[in-house]
Amino acid sequence: MTRLKHSLRDLIKVLVVFTVCTCVFYMALRMVHEEYERQHRYDPPGGTAIKVYQPLEQPWTDRLSIFFRLGE
């Protein structure tokens, strides 16, 4: 009977440690997420930035042909 008690006590210790570690890990992930949420990723560029991509107006048949050829 004492062996069962010791095994049960060890199991409870492991579960408590696992639960605490999981909670700490979860809180750390939340802190990192909140830190990245504060950053503005899509601010307009400053300085002398220029737009380098200007899409050309193509007829829809050409675009469909490219779609079938490239599979995009």
PDB file of N, CA and C in Angstrom:
ATOM      1  N   MET A   1       0.823  -1.197   0.000  1.00  0.00           N
ATOM      2  CA  MET A   1       0.000   0.000   0.000  1.00  0.00           C
ATOM      3  C   MET A   1       0.864   1.257   0.000  1.00  0.00           C
ATOM      4  N   THR A   2       1.979   1.226   0.683  1.00  0.00           N
ATOM      5  CA  THR A   2       2.835   2.417   0.703  1.00  0.00           C
ATOM      6  C   THR A   2       3.464   2.668  -0.656  1.00  0.00           C
ATOM      7  N   ARG A   3       3.716   1.575  -1.379  1.00  0.00           N
ATOM      8  CA  ARG A   3       4.280   1.746  -2.722  1.00  0.00           C
ATOM      9  C   ARG A   3       3.278   2.463  -3.620  1.00  0.00           C
ATOM     10  N   LEU A   4       2.011   2.139  -3.500  1.00  0.00           N
ATOM     11  CA  LEU A   4       0.968   2.805  -4.269  1.00  0.00           C
ATOM     12  C   LEU A   4       0.873   4.279  -3.891  1.00  0.00           C
ATOM     13  N   LYS A   5       0.985   4.587  -2.604  1.00  0.00           N
ATOM     14  CA  LYS A   5       0.941   5.978  -2.154  1.00  0.00           C
ATOM     15  C   LYS A   5       2.115   6.776  -2.716  1.00  0.00           C
ATOM     16  N   HIS A   6       3.295   6.162  -2.701  1.00  0.00           N
ATOM     17  CA  HIS A   6       4.478   6.853  -3.231  1.00  0.00           C
ATOM     18  C   HIS A   6       4.344   7.081  -4.740  1.00  0.00           C
ATOM     19  N   SER A   7       3.834   6.099  -5.433  1.00  0.00           N
ATOM     20  CA  SER A   7       3.643   6.246  -6.875  1.00  0.00           C
ATOM     21  C   SER A   7       2.616   7.326  -7.177  1.00  0.00           C
ATOM     22  N   LEU A   8       1.552   7.339  -6.423  1.00  0.00           N
ATOM     23  CA  LEU A   8       0.514   8.347  -6.623  1.00  0.00           C
ATOM     24  C   LEU A   8       1.044   9.743  -6.304  1.00  0.00           C
ATOM     25  N   ARG A   9       1.823   9.869  -5.238  1.00  0.00           N
ATOM     26  CA  ARG A   9       2.403  11.159  -4.869  1.00  0.00           C
ATOM     27  C   ARG A   9       3.380  11.642  -5.952  1.00  0.00           C
ATOM     28  N   ASP A  10       4.184  10.719  -6.499  1.00  0.00           N
ATOM     29  CA  ASP A  10       5.104  11.089  -7.573  1.00  0.00           C
ATOM     30  C   ASP A  10       4.344  11.516  -8.825  1.00  0.00           C
ATOM     31  N   LEU A  11       3.268  10.826  -9.117  1.00  0.00           N
ATOM     32  CA  LEU A  11       2.449  11.187 -10.267  1.00  0.00           C
ATOM     33  C   LEU A  11       1.853  12.581 -10.099  1.00  0.00           C
ATOM     34  N   ILE A  12       1.371  12.882  -8.924  1.00  0.00           N
ATOM     35  CA  ILE A  12       0.801  14.199  -8.653  1.00  0.00           C
ATOM     36  C   ILE A  12       1.873  15.277  -8.764  1.00  0.00           C
ATOM     37  N   LYS A  13       3.084  15.003  -8.282  1.00  0.00           N
ATOM     38  CA  LYS A  13       4.183  15.964  -8.404  1.00  0.00           C
ATOM     39  C   LYS A  13       4.489  16.259  -9.869  1.00  0.00           C
ATOM     40  N   VAL A  14       4.548  15.208 -10.659  1.00  0.00           N
ATOM     41  CA  VAL A  14       4.842  15.382 -12.083  1.00  0.00           C
ATOM     42  C   VAL A  14       3.743  16.188 -12.755  1.00  0.00           C
ATOM     43  N   LEU A  15       2.500  15.901 -12.452  1.00  0.00           N
ATOM     44  CA  LEU A  15       1.392  16.645 -13.046  1.00  0.00           C
ATOM     45  C   LEU A  15       1.410  18.115 -12.639  1.00  0.00           C
ATOM     46  N   VAL A  16       1.734  18.389 -11.389  1.00  0.00           N
ATOM     47  CA  VAL A  16       1.796  19.780 -10.931  1.00  0.00           C
ATOM     48  C   VAL A  16       2.939  20.515 -11.640  1.00  0.00           C
ATOM     49  N   VAL A  17       4.097  19.900 -11.726  1.00  0.00           N
ATOM     50  CA  VAL A  17       5.234  20.534 -12.399  1.00  0.00           C
ATOM     51  C   VAL A  17       4.913  20.752 -13.876  1.00  0.00           C
ATOM     52  N   PHE A  18       4.308  19.757 -14.511  1.00  0.00           N
ATOM     53  CA  PHE A  18       3.926  19.889 -15.911  1.00  0.00           C
ATOM     54  C   PHE A  18       2.942  21.039 -16.110  1.00  0.00           C
ATOM     55  N   THR A  19       1.956  21.153 -15.244  1.00  0.00           N
ATOM     56  CA  THR A  19       0.956  22.208 -15.351  1.00  0.00           C
ATOM     57  C   THR A  19       1.585  23.587 -15.157  1.00  0.00           C
ATOM     58  N   VAL A  20       2.460  23.706 -14.175  1.00  0.00           N
ATOM     59  CA  VAL A  20       3.123  24.988 -13.928  1.00  0.00           C
ATOM     60  C   VAL A  20       3.997  25.376 -15.118  1.00  0.00           C
ATOM     61  N   CYS A  21       4.766  24.440 -15.631  1.00  0.00           N
ATOM     62  CA  CYS A  21       5.630  24.731 -16.779  1.00  0.00           C
ATOM     63  C   CYS A  21       4.806  25.107 -18.011  1.00  0.00           C
ATOM     64  N   THR A  22       3.684  24.439 -18.220  1.00  0.00           N
ATOM     65  CA  THR A  22       2.818  24.765 -19.340  1.00  0.00           C
ATOM     66  C   THR A  22       2.254  26.174 -19.199  1.00  0.00           C
ATOM     67  N   CYS A  23       1.847  26.552 -18.004  1.00  0.00           N
ATOM     68  CA  CYS A  23       1.322  27.902 -17.776  1.00  0.00           C
ATOM     69  C   CYS A  23       2.399  28.964 -17.997  1.00  0.00           C
ATOM     70  N   VAL A  24       3.603  28.710 -17.529  1.00  0.00           N
ATOM     71  CA  VAL A  24       4.700  29.661 -17.726  1.00  0.00           C
ATOM     72  C   VAL A  24       5.006  29.813 -19.214  1.00  0.00           C
ATOM     73  N   PHE A  25       5.058  28.703 -19.939  1.00  0.00           N
ATOM     74  CA  PHE A  25       5.317  28.752 -21.376  1.00  0.00           C
ATOM     75  C   PHE A  25       4.217  29.523 -22.098  1.00  0.00           C
ATOM     76  N   TYR A  26       2.966  29.292 -21.723  1.00  0.00           N
ATOM     77  CA  TYR A  26       1.840  29.990 -22.340  1.00  0.00           C
ATOM     78  C   TYR A  26       1.931  31.492 -22.091  1.00  0.00           C
ATOM     79  N   MET A  27       2.255  31.878 -20.874  1.00  0.00           N
ATOM     80  CA  MET A  27       2.372  33.307 -20.556  1.00  0.00           C
ATOM     81  C   MET A  27       3.525  33.941 -21.332  1.00  0.00           C
ATOM     82  N   ALA A  28       4.620  33.224 -21.489  1.00  0.00           N
ATOM     83  CA  ALA A  28       5.743  33.751 -22.258  1.00  0.00           C
ATOM     84  C   ALA A  28       5.350  33.955 -23.713  1.00  0.00           C
ATOM     85  N   LEU A  29       4.618  33.014 -24.278  1.00  0.00           N
ATOM     86  CA  LEU A  29       4.155  33.173 -25.655  1.00  0.00           C
ATOM     87  C   LEU A  29       3.214  34.367 -25.792  1.00  0.00           C
ATOM     88  N   ARG A  30       2.368  34.571 -24.817  1.00  0.00           N
ATOM     89  CA  ARG A  30       1.456  35.723 -24.860  1.00  0.00           C
ATOM     90  C   ARG A  30       2.214  37.036 -24.790  1.00  0.00           C
ATOM     91  N   MET A  31       3.271  37.074 -23.958  1.00  0.00           N
ATOM     92  CA  MET A  31       4.078  38.292 -23.851  1.00  0.00           C
ATOM     93  C   MET A  31       4.769  38.596 -25.176  1.00  0.00           C
ATOM     94  N   VAL A  32       5.318  37.580 -25.810  1.00  0.00           N
ATOM     95  CA  VAL A  32       5.977  37.779 -27.098  1.00  0.00           C
ATOM     96  C   VAL A  32       4.959  38.237 -28.141  1.00  0.00           C
ATOM     97  N   HIS A  33       3.785  37.636 -28.136  1.00  0.00           N
ATOM     98  CA  HIS A  33       2.740  38.024 -29.088  1.00  0.00           C
ATOM     99  C   HIS A  33       2.335  39.487 -28.894  1.00  0.00           C
ATOM    100  N   GLU A  34       2.158  39.911 -27.658  1.00  0.00           N
ATOM    101  CA  GLU A  34       1.778  41.298 -27.390  1.00  0.00           C
ATOM    102  C   GLU A  34       2.869  42.261 -27.831  1.00  0.00           C
ATOM    103  N   GLU A  35       4.127  41.871 -27.662  1.00  0.00           N
ATOM    104  CA  GLU A  35       5.233  42.725 -28.085  1.00  0.00           C
ATOM    105  C   GLU A  35       5.211  42.923 -29.598  1.00  0.00           C
ATOM    106  N   TYR A  36       4.963  41.862 -30.343  1.00  0.00           N
ATOM    107  CA  TYR A  36       4.922  41.979 -31.795  1.00  0.00           C
ATOM    108  C   TYR A  36       3.658  42.662 -32.291  1.00  0.00           C
ATOM    109  N   GLU A  37       2.587  42.612 -31.540  1.00  0.00           N
ATOM    110  CA  GLU A  37       1.357  43.292 -31.941  1.00  0.00           C
ATOM    111  C   GLU A  37       1.517  44.807 -31.883  1.00  0.00           C
ATOM    112  N   ARG A  38       2.400  45.303 -31.052  1.00  0.00           N
ATOM    113  CA  ARG A  38       2.597  46.748 -30.914  1.00  0.00           C
ATOM    114  C   ARG A  38       3.364  47.345 -32.088  1.00  0.00           C
ATOM    115  N   GLN A  39       4.096  46.540 -32.808  1.00  0.00           N
ATOM    116  CA  GLN A  39       4.880  47.050 -33.929  1.00  0.00           C
ATOM    117  C   GLN A  39       3.967  47.329 -35.120  1.00  0.00           C
ATOM    118  N   HIS A  40       4.258  48.409 -35.805  1.00  0.00           N
ATOM    119  CA  HIS A  40       3.506  48.765 -37.000  1.00  0.00           C
ATOM    120  C   HIS A  40       4.292  48.257 -38.198  1.00  0.00           C
ATOM    121  N   ARG A  41       3.848  47.139 -38.760  1.00  0.00           N
ATOM    122  CA  ARG A  41       4.588  46.513 -39.840  1.00  0.00           C
ATOM    123  C   ARG A  41       4.329  47.168 -41.180  1.00  0.00           C
ATOM    124  N   TYR A  42       3.204  47.809 -41.339  1.00  0.00           N
ATOM    125  CA  TYR A  42       2.815  48.302 -42.644  1.00  0.00           C
ATOM    126  C   TYR A  42       2.808  49.823 -42.722  1.00  0.00           C
ATOM    127  N   ASP A  43       3.734  50.459 -42.036  1.00  0.00           N
ATOM    128  CA  ASP A  43       3.855  51.901 -42.143  1.00  0.00           C
ATOM    129  C   ASP A  43       4.372  52.260 -43.536  1.00  0.00           C
ATOM    130  N   PRO A  44       3.966  53.402 -44.057  1.00  0.00           N
ATOM    131  CA  PRO A  44       4.506  53.809 -45.359  1.00  0.00           C
ATOM    132  C   PRO A  44       6.006  54.073 -45.234  1.00  0.00           C
ATOM    133  N   PRO A  45       6.762  53.748 -46.272  1.00  0.00           N
ATOM    134  CA  PRO A  45       8.208  53.943 -46.188  1.00  0.00           C
ATOM    135  C   PRO A  45       8.559  55.422 -46.146  1.00  0.00           C
ATOM    136  N   GLY A  46       9.609  55.726 -45.444  1.00  0.00           N
ATOM    137  CA  GLY A  46      10.070  57.102 -45.358  1.00  0.00           C
ATOM    138  C   GLY A  46      11.250  57.327 -46.288  1.00  0.00           C
ATOM    139  N   GLY A  47      11.602  58.567 -46.479  1.00  0.00           N
ATOM    140  CA  GLY A  47      12.762  58.866 -47.307  1.00  0.00           C
ATOM    141  C   GLY A  47      12.406  58.940 -48.782  1.00  0.00           C
ATOM    142  N   THR A  48      13.333  58.489 -49.609  1.00  0.00           N
ATOM    143  CA  THR A  48      13.176  58.611 -51.057  1.00  0.00           C
ATOM    144  C   THR A  48      12.759  57.291 -51.690  1.00  0.00           C
ATOM    145  N   ALA A  49      11.884  56.562 -51.044  1.00  0.00           N
ATOM    146  CA  ALA A  49      11.424  55.280 -51.580  1.00  0.00           C
ATOM    147  C   ALA A  49      10.558  55.513 -52.810  1.00  0.00           C
ATOM    148  N   ILE A  50      10.697  54.631 -53.791  1.00  0.00           N
ATOM    149  CA  ILE A  50       9.890  54.717 -54.996  1.00  0.00           C
ATOM    150  C   ILE A  50       9.193  53.381 -55.220  1.00  0.00           C
ATOM    151  N   LYS A  51       8.092  53.425 -55.939  1.00  0.00           N
ATOM    152  CA  LYS A  51       7.357  52.211 -56.249  1.00  0.00           C
ATOM    153  C   LYS A  51       8.024  51.543 -57.443  1.00  0.00           C
ATOM    154  N   VAL A  52       8.374  50.267 -57.306  1.00  0.00           N
ATOM    155  CA  VAL A  52       9.109  49.588 -58.378  1.00  0.00           C
ATOM    156  C   VAL A  52       8.230  48.658 -59.191  1.00  0.00           C
ATOM    157  N   TYR A  53       7.030  48.412 -58.773  1.00  0.00           N
ATOM    158  CA  TYR A  53       6.150  47.496 -59.495  1.00  0.00           C
ATOM    159  C   TYR A  53       4.943  48.259 -59.980  1.00  0.00           C
ATOM    160  N   GLN A  54       4.765  48.288 -61.279  1.00  0.00           N
ATOM    161  CA  GLN A  54       3.586  48.909 -61.859  1.00  0.00           C
ATOM    162  C   GLN A  54       2.953  47.876 -62.788  1.00  0.00           C
ATOM    163  N   PRO A  55       1.843  47.295 -62.374  1.00  0.00           N
ATOM    164  CA  PRO A  55       1.241  46.240 -63.201  1.00  0.00           C
ATOM    165  C   PRO A  55       0.755  46.788 -64.538  1.00  0.00           C
ATOM    166  N   LEU A  56       0.960  45.982 -65.558  1.00  0.00           N
ATOM    167  CA  LEU A  56       0.493  46.346 -66.886  1.00  0.00           C
ATOM    168  C   LEU A  56      -0.918  45.815 -67.082  1.00  0.00           C
ATOM    169  N   GLU A  57      -1.717  46.593 -67.761  1.00  0.00           N
ATOM    170  CA  GLU A  57      -3.076  46.149 -68.053  1.00  0.00           C
ATOM    171  C   GLU A  57      -3.025  45.191 -69.239  1.00  0.00           C
ATOM    172  N   GLN A  58      -3.352  43.942 -68.989  1.00  0.00           N
ATOM    173  CA  GLN A  58      -3.363  42.936 -70.041  1.00  0.00           C
ATOM    174  C   GLN A  58      -4.797  42.483 -70.271  1.00  0.00           C
ATOM    175  N   PRO A  59      -5.091  42.077 -71.488  1.00  0.00           N
ATOM    176  CA  PRO A  59      -6.428  41.511 -71.720  1.00  0.00           C
ATOM    177  C   PRO A  59      -6.596  40.223 -70.906  1.00  0.00           C
ATOM    178  N   TRP A  60      -7.815  39.938 -70.552  1.00  0.00           N
ATOM    179  CA  TRP A  60      -8.050  38.773 -69.692  1.00  0.00           C
ATOM    180  C   TRP A  60      -7.688  37.477 -70.392  1.00  0.00           C
ATOM    181  N   THR A  61      -7.696  37.451 -71.713  1.00  0.00           N
ATOM    182  CA  THR A  61      -7.327  36.219 -72.430  1.00  0.00           C
ATOM    183  C   THR A  61      -5.839  35.916 -72.261  1.00  0.00           C
ATOM    184  N   ASP A  62      -5.002  36.971 -72.271  1.00  0.00           N
ATOM    185  CA  ASP A  62      -3.565  36.753 -72.047  1.00  0.00           C
ATOM    186  C   ASP A  62      -3.308  36.258 -70.627  1.00  0.00           C
ATOM    187  N   ARG A  63      -3.994  36.833 -69.674  1.00  0.00           N
ATOM    188  CA  ARG A  63      -3.813  36.409 -68.285  1.00  0.00           C
ATOM    189  C   ARG A  63      -4.275  34.971 -68.085  1.00  0.00           C
ATOM    190  N   LEU A  64      -5.366  34.590 -68.748  1.00  0.00           N
ATOM    191  CA  LEU A  64      -5.851  33.220 -68.663  1.00  0.00           C
ATOM    192  C   LEU A  64      -4.865  32.252 -69.310  1.00  0.00           C
ATOM    193  N   SER A  65      -4.272  32.661 -70.417  1.00  0.00           N
ATOM    194  CA  SER A  65      -3.272  31.837 -71.087  1.00  0.00           C
ATOM    195  C   SER A  65      -2.060  31.615 -70.178  1.00  0.00           C
ATOM    196  N   ILE A  66      -1.589  32.670 -69.511  1.00  0.00           N
ATOM    197  CA  ILE A  66      -0.464  32.543 -68.575  1.00  0.00           C
ATOM    198  C   ILE A  66      -0.849  31.635 -67.410  1.00  0.00           C
ATOM    199  N   PHE A  67      -2.069  31.762 -66.946  1.00  0.00           N
ATOM    200  CA  PHE A  67      -2.539  30.917 -65.844  1.00  0.00           C
ATOM    201  C   PHE A  67      -2.473  29.444 -66.218  1.00  0.00           C
ATOM    202  N   PHE A  68      -2.943  29.106 -67.413  1.00  0.00           N
ATOM    203  CA  PHE A  68      -2.932  27.698 -67.829  1.00  0.00           C
ATOM    204  C   PHE A  68      -1.519  27.202 -68.134  1.00  0.00           C
ATOM    205  N   ARG A  69      -0.672  28.073 -68.674  1.00  0.00           N
ATOM    206  CA  ARG A  69       0.691  27.672 -68.992  1.00  0.00           C
ATOM    207  C   ARG A  69       1.527  27.422 -67.745  1.00  0.00           C
ATOM    208  N   LEU A  70       1.457  28.342 -66.778  1.00  0.00           N
ATOM    209  CA  LEU A  70       2.300  28.270 -65.589  1.00  0.00           C
ATOM    210  C   LEU A  70       1.630  27.563 -64.425  1.00  0.00           C
ATOM    211  N   GLY A  71       0.347  27.438 -64.474  1.00  0.00           N
ATOM    212  CA  GLY A  71      -0.365  26.775 -63.378  1.00  0.00           C
ATOM    213  C   GLY A  71      -0.453  27.621 -62.135  1.00  0.00           C
ATOM    214  N   GLU A  72      -0.441  28.920 -62.270  1.00  0.00           N
ATOM    215  CA  GLU A  72      -0.500  29.807 -61.101  1.00  0.00           C
ATOM    216  C   GLU A  72      -1.902  30.317 -60.905  1.00  0.00           C
TER     217      GLU A  72
END
